[in-house]
Amino acid sequence: MLCGDLFEEDLVKEVKERKVDVVIVPTARSSEILPYSQEIWDKEERDYYLEQVKKLNAKVLLSNYIDSIDNYYGGAFVINVSVQFSTC
């Protein structure tokens, strides 16, 4: 899946039906909030992404583009089927 595909319900359903073990999701998520912080991710973004990941029923490897000029805040995550969240 690519970036916003994680939020396309038809694609999420198809991936789940295929019963894959791992889903890789490269993203380019930026923010208009400057400076973006871990606290903002934790409060405003994390649960939104976790809800979508739960629907896949697979381990998800999610990485985000880094570019401080355009405020792409980066980060990499491994999210297990049991919805355990690990920051890399």
Protein backbone atom coordinates (compact mmCIF):
# COMPACT_ATOMS: atom_id res chain seq x y z
CA MET A 1 0.00 0.00 0.00
CA LEU A 2 1.11 3.56 -0.57
CA CYS A 3 0.46 6.45 1.78
CA GLY A 4 -3.27 7.27 1.70
CA ASP A 5 -4.18 3.76 0.49
CA LEU A 6 -4.32 2.88 4.17
CA PHE A 7 -7.51 4.96 4.35
CA GLU A 8 -9.20 3.54 1.23
CA GLU A 9 -11.71 1.12 2.69
CA ASP A 10 -12.00 -1.01 -0.48
CA LEU A 11 -8.23 -1.54 -0.56
CA VAL A 12 -8.09 -2.27 3.16
CA LYS A 13 -10.82 -4.88 2.74
CA GLU A 14 -9.01 -6.49 -0.22
CA VAL A 15 -5.71 -6.71 1.68
CA LYS A 16 -7.47 -8.24 4.68
CA GLU A 17 -9.22 -10.83 2.49
CA ARG A 18 -5.86 -11.89 1.03
CA LYS A 19 -4.66 -12.72 4.55
CA VAL A 20 -1.17 -11.30 4.05
CA ASP A 21 1.41 -11.49 6.83
CA VAL A 22 3.02 -8.09 6.32
CA VAL A 23 1.90 -4.82 4.74
CA ILE A 24 4.48 -2.15 3.89
CA VAL A 25 3.15 1.42 3.83
CA PRO A 26 5.57 4.16 2.76
CA THR A 27 4.03 7.57 3.42
CA ALA A 28 4.68 11.26 2.85
CA ARG A 29 2.68 12.77 5.71
CA SER A 30 3.39 16.39 6.53
CA SER A 31 1.86 18.87 8.91
CA GLU A 32 1.04 22.54 8.87
CA ILE A 33 1.82 22.62 12.58
CA LEU A 34 5.34 23.94 13.14
CA PRO A 35 7.32 22.51 14.73
CA TYR A 36 5.71 19.09 14.53
CA SER A 37 6.38 16.96 17.60
CA GLN A 38 6.05 13.45 18.96
CA GLU A 39 3.40 14.79 21.33
CA ILE A 40 1.25 15.96 18.41
CA TRP A 41 1.60 12.55 16.73
CA ASP A 42 0.63 10.78 19.95
CA LYS A 43 -2.40 13.00 20.60
CA GLU A 44 -3.74 13.65 17.10
CA GLU A 45 -2.49 11.08 14.58
CA ARG A 46 -1.52 7.80 16.24
CA ASP A 47 -4.99 6.47 17.07
CA TYR A 48 -6.30 7.41 13.62
CA TYR A 49 -3.59 5.28 11.97
CA LEU A 50 -3.96 2.44 14.47
CA GLU A 51 -7.68 2.12 13.75
CA GLN A 52 -6.93 1.61 10.06
CA VAL A 53 -4.10 -0.84 10.76
CA LYS A 54 -6.39 -2.97 12.94
CA LYS A 55 -8.62 -3.53 9.92
CA LEU A 56 -5.76 -5.12 7.94
CA ASN A 57 -5.17 -7.92 10.44
CA ALA A 58 -1.48 -8.02 9.48
CA LYS A 59 1.85 -6.70 10.69
CA VAL A 60 2.35 -3.22 9.21
CA LEU A 61 5.69 -1.59 8.48
CA LEU A 62 5.00 2.13 8.11
CA SER A 63 7.64 4.72 7.26
CA ASN A 64 7.31 8.42 6.64
CA TYR A 65 9.37 10.71 4.42
CA ILE A 66 11.69 13.19 6.17
CA ASP A 67 12.06 16.75 4.89
CA SER A 68 12.27 19.58 7.40
CA ILE A 69 11.79 22.29 4.74
CA ASP A 70 8.28 21.09 3.88
CA ASN A 71 7.62 19.70 7.39
CA TYR A 72 7.52 15.99 6.56
CA TYR A 73 8.32 14.74 10.02
CA GLY A 74 9.59 11.24 9.29
CA GLY A 75 9.48 8.20 11.48
CA ALA A 76 9.19 4.45 11.10
CA PHE A 77 6.84 2.11 12.90
CA VAL A 78 6.15 -1.59 13.21
CA ILE A 79 2.57 -2.34 14.18
CA ASN A 80 1.76 -5.96 15.01
CA VAL A 81 -1.54 -7.71 14.41
CA SER A 82 -2.26 -7.44 18.11
CA VAL A 83 -1.91 -3.66 17.65
CA GLN A 84 1.27 -3.30 19.60
CA PHE A 85 2.94 -0.14 18.47
CA SER A 86 6.74 0.14 18.20
CA THR A 87 8.72 3.15 17.08
CA CYS A 88 11.91 2.45 15.17
